[in-house]
């Protein structure tokens, strides 16, 4: 599996603009480090999860009213409606628990960069991986960003295809850019 470098008008995998409150955190591990961009503009995902919980609760209330109200439907109709509403509530709860947060893992042992999605339970799913040798460079992209903000991107080989690692304030991104650049150079030897 290779890293999901995408071509597009901006050439970015995640094209959300950097907000002034964005923070970049680095967690050290035995094999390297994890880069998390904790964006405050993820309110849409938060709202979608809350709406899914609301839909599941409404389905549960509907099931209870269906059984508590006499003469609403025949017993066979109540069983069928209960099955449908239970399935609907189950799907809504499943969707509500699927809140993913993107991360970038820089693995110094395997000499690769992994794009990972972490769910709200802490489980991870690898979306893509790229060897250090396939990364052509790391730089800060300031295009379309407010003053003092930018996106840290990895360029795939010597093409225009890029992957966003983090977005936020330039000083934090500059330190992370330098560290990833050093690690990429060490990993190629």
C-alpha atoms as a PDB file:
ATOM      1  CA  UNK A   1       0.000   0.000   0.000  1.00  0.00           C
ATOM      2  CA  UNK A   2       1.318   3.454  -0.836  1.00  0.00           C
ATOM      3  CA  UNK A   3       0.607   6.824   0.709  1.00  0.00           C
ATOM      4  CA  UNK A   4      -2.447   8.555  -0.711  1.00  0.00           C
ATOM      5  CA  UNK A   5      -0.805  11.450  -2.508  1.00  0.00           C
ATOM      6  CA  UNK A   6      -3.535  13.084  -4.580  1.00  0.00           C
ATOM      7  CA  UNK A   7      -3.506  15.448  -7.484  1.00  0.00           C
ATOM      8  CA  UNK A   8      -6.014  18.250  -7.389  1.00  0.00           C
ATOM      9  CA  UNK A   9      -6.270  21.997  -7.707  1.00  0.00           C
ATOM     10  CA  UNK A  10      -4.182  22.410  -4.572  1.00  0.00           C
ATOM     11  CA  UNK A  11      -2.477  18.981  -4.729  1.00  0.00           C
ATOM     12  CA  UNK A  12      -3.306  18.304  -1.080  1.00  0.00           C
ATOM     13  CA  UNK A  13      -4.805  15.255   0.548  1.00  0.00           C
ATOM     14  CA  UNK A  14      -6.459  17.243   3.329  1.00  0.00           C
ATOM     15  CA  UNK A  15      -7.226  20.712   2.032  1.00  0.00           C
ATOM     16  CA  UNK A  16      -8.822  22.229   5.143  1.00  0.00           C
ATOM     17  CA  UNK A  17      -7.404  25.690   5.828  1.00  0.00           C
ATOM     18  CA  UNK A  18      -5.298  26.217   8.899  1.00  0.00           C
ATOM     19  CA  UNK A  19      -7.154  27.941  11.690  1.00  0.00           C
ATOM     20  CA  UNK A  20      -5.370  30.207  14.174  1.00  0.00           C
ATOM     21  CA  UNK A  21      -6.135  27.745  17.013  1.00  0.00           C
ATOM     22  CA  UNK A  22      -4.629  24.698  15.315  1.00  0.00           C
ATOM     23  CA  UNK A  23      -2.003  22.905  17.357  1.00  0.00           C
ATOM     24  CA  UNK A  24       0.542  20.327  16.307  1.00  0.00           C
ATOM     25  CA  UNK A  25       1.586  17.684  18.827  1.00  0.00           C
ATOM     26  CA  UNK A  26       4.379  15.125  18.532  1.00  0.00           C
ATOM     27  CA  UNK A  27       4.274  11.920  20.541  1.00  0.00           C
ATOM     28  CA  UNK A  28       7.555  10.012  20.813  1.00  0.00           C
ATOM     29  CA  UNK A  29       7.415   6.226  20.372  1.00  0.00           C
ATOM     30  CA  UNK A  30       9.952   3.398  20.394  1.00  0.00           C
ATOM     31  CA  UNK A  31       9.929   3.238  16.592  1.00  0.00           C
ATOM     32  CA  UNK A  32       9.761   6.984  15.818  1.00  0.00           C
ATOM     33  CA  UNK A  33       7.064   9.575  16.434  1.00  0.00           C
ATOM     34  CA  UNK A  34       3.427  10.430  15.755  1.00  0.00           C
ATOM     35  CA  UNK A  35       2.381  13.835  14.424  1.00  0.00           C
ATOM     36  CA  UNK A  36      -1.145  14.943  15.292  1.00  0.00           C
ATOM     37  CA  UNK A  37      -2.695  18.144  14.028  1.00  0.00           C
ATOM     38  CA  UNK A  38      -5.378  18.977  16.560  1.00  0.00           C
ATOM     39  CA  UNK A  39      -7.622  21.194  14.489  1.00  0.00           C
ATOM     40  CA  UNK A  40     -10.339  23.256  16.104  1.00  0.00           C
ATOM     41  CA  UNK A  41     -12.238  23.425  12.828  1.00  0.00           C
ATOM     42  CA  UNK A  42     -13.379  19.803  13.167  1.00  0.00           C
ATOM     43  CA  UNK A  43     -16.772  20.982  14.404  1.00  0.00           C
ATOM     44  CA  UNK A  44     -18.531  19.401  11.423  1.00  0.00           C
ATOM     45  CA  UNK A  45     -17.402  15.914  12.496  1.00  0.00           C
ATOM     46  CA  UNK A  46     -18.435  16.676  16.070  1.00  0.00           C
ATOM     47  CA  UNK A  47     -21.869  17.827  14.881  1.00  0.00           C
ATOM     48  CA  UNK A  48     -22.325  14.735  12.683  1.00  0.00           C
ATOM     49  CA  UNK A  49     -21.585  12.436  15.636  1.00  0.00           C
ATOM     50  CA  UNK A  50     -24.045  14.290  17.858  1.00  0.00           C
ATOM     51  CA  UNK A  51     -26.750  14.123  15.180  1.00  0.00           C
ATOM     52  CA  UNK A  52     -26.188  10.382  14.771  1.00  0.00           C
ATOM     53  CA  UNK A  53     -26.603   9.918  18.539  1.00  0.00           C
ATOM     54  CA  UNK A  54     -29.784  12.016  18.381  1.00  0.00           C
ATOM     55  CA  UNK A  55     -31.196   9.878  15.545  1.00  0.00           C
ATOM     56  CA  UNK A  56     -30.424   6.691  17.513  1.00  0.00           C
ATOM     57  CA  UNK A  57     -32.148   8.102  20.599  1.00  0.00           C
ATOM     58  CA  UNK A  58     -35.190   9.130  18.538  1.00  0.00           C
ATOM     59  CA  UNK A  59     -35.411   5.590  17.137  1.00  0.00           C
ATOM     60  CA  UNK A  60     -35.280   4.134  20.668  1.00  0.00           C
ATOM     61  CA  UNK A  61     -38.037   6.492  21.840  1.00  0.00           C
ATOM     62  CA  UNK A  62     -40.143   5.567  18.802  1.00  0.00           C
ATOM     63  CA  UNK A  63     -39.775   1.868  19.626  1.00  0.00           C
ATOM     64  CA  UNK A  64     -40.900   2.425  23.212  1.00  0.00           C
ATOM     65  CA  UNK A  65     -43.928   4.495  22.135  1.00  0.00           C
ATOM     66  CA  UNK A  66     -44.812   1.850  19.572  1.00  0.00           C
ATOM     67  CA  UNK A  67     -45.067  -0.802  22.282  1.00  0.00           C
ATOM     68  CA  UNK A  68     -46.571   1.379  25.022  1.00  0.00           C
ATOM     69  CA  UNK A  69     -49.401   2.870  22.938  1.00  0.00           C
ATOM     70  CA  UNK A  70     -52.258   0.376  22.529  1.00  0.00           C
ATOM     71  CA  UNK A  71     -53.876  -0.031  19.139  1.00  0.00           C
ATOM     72  CA  UNK A  72     -51.114   1.716  17.190  1.00  0.00           C
ATOM     73  CA  UNK A  73     -50.405  -1.308  15.025  1.00  0.00           C
ATOM     74  CA  UNK A  74     -50.922  -5.047  14.911  1.00  0.00           C
ATOM     75  CA  UNK A  75     -48.467  -7.206  16.897  1.00  0.00           C
ATOM     76  CA  UNK A  76     -46.818  -8.362  13.672  1.00  0.00           C
ATOM     77  CA  UNK A  77     -46.497  -4.758  12.506  1.00  0.00           C
ATOM     78  CA  UNK A  78     -44.977  -3.774  15.842  1.00  0.00           C
ATOM     79  CA  UNK A  79     -42.371  -6.541  15.558  1.00  0.00           C
ATOM     80  CA  UNK A  80     -41.468  -5.498  12.006  1.00  0.00           C
ATOM     81  CA  UNK A  81     -41.270  -1.807  12.882  1.00  0.00           C
ATOM     82  CA  UNK A  82     -39.201  -2.625  15.973  1.00  0.00           C
ATOM     83  CA  UNK A  83     -36.739  -4.590  13.844  1.00  0.00           C
ATOM     84  CA  UNK A  84     -36.397  -1.782  11.310  1.00  0.00           C
ATOM     85  CA  UNK A  85     -36.018   0.924  13.940  1.00  0.00           C
ATOM     86  CA  UNK A  86     -33.503  -1.178  15.905  1.00  0.00           C
ATOM     87  CA  UNK A  87     -31.428  -1.680  12.761  1.00  0.00           C
ATOM     88  CA  UNK A  88     -31.646   2.027  11.985  1.00  0.00           C
ATOM     89  CA  UNK A  89     -30.585   2.936  15.534  1.00  0.00           C
ATOM     90  CA  UNK A  90     -27.705   0.444  15.350  1.00  0.00           C
ATOM     91  CA  UNK A  91     -26.411   1.959  12.115  1.00  0.00           C
ATOM     92  CA  UNK A  92     -26.701   5.479  13.564  1.00  0.00           C
ATOM     93  CA  UNK A  93     -24.740   4.451  16.673  1.00  0.00           C
ATOM     94  CA  UNK A  94     -22.113   2.751  14.512  1.00  0.00           C
ATOM     95  CA  UNK A  95     -21.722   5.941  12.457  1.00  0.00           C
ATOM     96  CA  UNK A  96     -21.548   8.039  15.624  1.00  0.00           C
ATOM     97  CA  UNK A  97     -18.608   5.967  16.863  1.00  0.00           C
ATOM     98  CA  UNK A  98     -16.631   6.293  13.633  1.00  0.00           C
ATOM     99  CA  UNK A  99     -15.064   9.682  14.371  1.00  0.00           C
ATOM    100  CA  UNK A 100     -11.591   9.479  12.883  1.00  0.00           C
ATOM    101  CA  UNK A 101      -8.643  11.763  13.519  1.00  0.00           C
ATOM    102  CA  UNK A 102      -5.830  11.744  10.934  1.00  0.00           C
ATOM    103  CA  UNK A 103      -2.244  11.220  12.109  1.00  0.00           C
ATOM    104  CA  UNK A 104       1.123  10.863  10.459  1.00  0.00           C
ATOM    105  CA  UNK A 105       3.512   8.218  11.795  1.00  0.00           C
ATOM    106  CA  UNK A 106       7.203   8.676  11.015  1.00  0.00           C
ATOM    107  CA  UNK A 107       8.711   5.214  11.522  1.00  0.00           C
ATOM    108  CA  UNK A 108      12.499   5.472  11.842  1.00  0.00           C
ATOM    109  CA  UNK A 109      12.966   1.695  12.132  1.00  0.00           C
ATOM    110  CA  UNK A 110      11.066   0.750   8.975  1.00  0.00           C
ATOM    111  CA  UNK A 111      12.102   4.008   7.253  1.00  0.00           C
ATOM    112  CA  UNK A 112       8.598   4.909   6.176  1.00  0.00           C
ATOM    113  CA  UNK A 113       5.892   7.498   6.705  1.00  0.00           C
ATOM    114  CA  UNK A 114       2.393   6.203   7.404  1.00  0.00           C
ATOM    115  CA  UNK A 115      -0.899   8.049   7.130  1.00  0.00           C
ATOM    116  CA  UNK A 116      -3.131   6.676   9.886  1.00  0.00           C
ATOM    117  CA  UNK A 117      -6.702   7.253  11.031  1.00  0.00           C
ATOM    118  CA  UNK A 118      -7.395   6.891  14.768  1.00  0.00           C
ATOM    119  CA  UNK A 119     -10.973   6.360  15.926  1.00  0.00           C
ATOM    120  CA  UNK A 120     -12.488   7.630  19.155  1.00  0.00           C
ATOM    121  CA  UNK A 121     -11.705   4.311  20.877  1.00  0.00           C
ATOM    122  CA  UNK A 122      -7.983   4.672  20.104  1.00  0.00           C
ATOM    123  CA  UNK A 123      -7.846   1.988  17.387  1.00  0.00           C
ATOM    124  CA  UNK A 124      -5.802   2.859  14.330  1.00  0.00           C
ATOM    125  CA  UNK A 125      -6.148   2.049  10.652  1.00  0.00           C
ATOM    126  CA  UNK A 126      -3.273   2.543   8.202  1.00  0.00           C
ATOM    127  CA  UNK A 127      -4.469   4.388   5.104  1.00  0.00           C
ATOM    128  CA  UNK A 128      -1.136   4.488   3.297  1.00  0.00           C
ATOM    129  CA  UNK A 129       2.585   4.147   3.667  1.00  0.00           C
ATOM    130  CA  UNK A 130       5.549   5.565   1.777  1.00  0.00           C
ATOM    131  CA  UNK A 131       9.222   4.696   2.053  1.00  0.00           C
ATOM    132  CA  UNK A 132      11.612   7.522   2.929  1.00  0.00           C
ATOM    133  CA  UNK A 133      13.241   7.151  -0.495  1.00  0.00           C
ATOM    134  CA  UNK A 134       9.965   7.975  -2.282  1.00  0.00           C
ATOM    135  CA  UNK A 135       9.568  11.330  -0.511  1.00  0.00           C
ATOM    136  CA  UNK A 136      11.058  14.117  -2.592  1.00  0.00           C
ATOM    137  CA  UNK A 137      10.912  16.841   0.025  1.00  0.00           C
ATOM    138  CA  UNK A 138       9.173  18.429   2.969  1.00  0.00           C
ATOM    139  CA  UNK A 139       8.173  22.090   3.025  1.00  0.00           C
ATOM    140  CA  UNK A 140       5.673  24.621   4.380  1.00  0.00           C
ATOM    141  CA  UNK A 141       2.926  25.617   1.961  1.00  0.00           C
ATOM    142  CA  UNK A 142       1.623  29.136   2.680  1.00  0.00           C
ATOM    143  CA  UNK A 143      -0.719  29.389  -0.317  1.00  0.00           C
ATOM    144  CA  UNK A 144      -4.222  30.457   0.725  1.00  0.00           C
ATOM    145  CA  UNK A 145      -3.351  30.630   4.428  1.00  0.00           C
ATOM    146  CA  UNK A 146      -3.679  33.563   6.843  1.00  0.00           C
ATOM    147  CA  UNK A 147      -0.521  35.422   7.807  1.00  0.00           C
ATOM    148  CA  UNK A 148       1.724  33.330  10.052  1.00  0.00           C
ATOM    149  CA  UNK A 149      -0.112  30.096   9.173  1.00  0.00           C
ATOM    150  CA  UNK A 150       0.741  27.301   6.782  1.00  0.00           C
ATOM    151  CA  UNK A 151       0.579  23.601   5.973  1.00  0.00           C
ATOM    152  CA  UNK A 152       3.469  21.197   6.335  1.00  0.00           C
ATOM    153  CA  UNK A 153       3.466  18.985   3.239  1.00  0.00           C
ATOM    154  CA  UNK A 154       5.469  16.037   1.963  1.00  0.00           C
ATOM    155  CA  UNK A 155       6.156  15.973  -1.778  1.00  0.00           C
ATOM    156  CA  UNK A 156       6.068  12.585  -3.485  1.00  0.00           C
ATOM    157  CA  UNK A 157       9.322  12.059  -5.436  1.00  0.00           C
ATOM    158  CA  UNK A 158       9.910  15.025  -7.753  1.00  0.00           C
ATOM    159  CA  UNK A 159       6.284  15.552  -8.707  1.00  0.00           C
ATOM    160  CA  UNK A 160       3.669  18.097  -7.714  1.00  0.00           C
ATOM    161  CA  UNK A 161       1.732  15.567  -5.654  1.00  0.00           C
ATOM    162  CA  UNK A 162       1.696  16.409  -1.963  1.00  0.00           C
ATOM    163  CA  UNK A 163       0.343  15.143   1.343  1.00  0.00           C
ATOM    164  CA  UNK A 164      -0.474  17.445   4.250  1.00  0.00           C
ATOM    165  CA  UNK A 165       1.105  16.372   7.545  1.00  0.00           C
ATOM    166  CA  UNK A 166      -0.108  19.250   9.730  1.00  0.00           C
ATOM    167  CA  UNK A 167      -1.497  22.758   9.562  1.00  0.00           C
ATOM    168  CA  UNK A 168      -0.944  25.579  11.991  1.00  0.00           C
ATOM    169  CA  UNK A 169       1.466  28.308  13.056  1.00  0.00           C
ATOM    170  CA  UNK A 170       4.667  28.580  11.004  1.00  0.00           C
ATOM    171  CA  UNK A 171       7.175  28.451  13.899  1.00  0.00           C
ATOM    172  CA  UNK A 172       5.859  25.072  15.076  1.00  0.00           C
ATOM    173  CA  UNK A 173       5.710  23.802  11.503  1.00  0.00           C
ATOM    174  CA  UNK A 174       9.280  24.972  10.817  1.00  0.00           C
ATOM    175  CA  UNK A 175      10.649  22.909  13.718  1.00  0.00           C
ATOM    176  CA  UNK A 176       8.675  19.867  12.582  1.00  0.00           C
ATOM    177  CA  UNK A 177       9.807  20.390   8.966  1.00  0.00           C
ATOM    178  CA  UNK A 178      13.454  20.452  10.039  1.00  0.00           C
ATOM    179  CA  UNK A 179      13.060  17.314  12.140  1.00  0.00           C
ATOM    180  CA  UNK A 180      11.292  15.329   9.421  1.00  0.00           C
ATOM    181  CA  UNK A 181      13.847  16.539   6.871  1.00  0.00           C
ATOM    182  CA  UNK A 182      16.761  15.352   9.031  1.00  0.00           C
ATOM    183  CA  UNK A 183      15.063  11.994   9.613  1.00  0.00           C
ATOM    184  CA  UNK A 184      14.430  11.536   5.908  1.00  0.00           C
ATOM    185  CA  UNK A 185      18.085  12.238   5.106  1.00  0.00           C
ATOM    186  CA  UNK A 186      19.346   9.857   7.818  1.00  0.00           C
ATOM    187  CA  UNK A 187      16.904   7.174   6.731  1.00  0.00           C
ATOM    188  CA  UNK A 188      18.156   7.151   3.140  1.00  0.00           C
ATOM    189  CA  UNK A 189      21.729   6.242   4.019  1.00  0.00           C
END
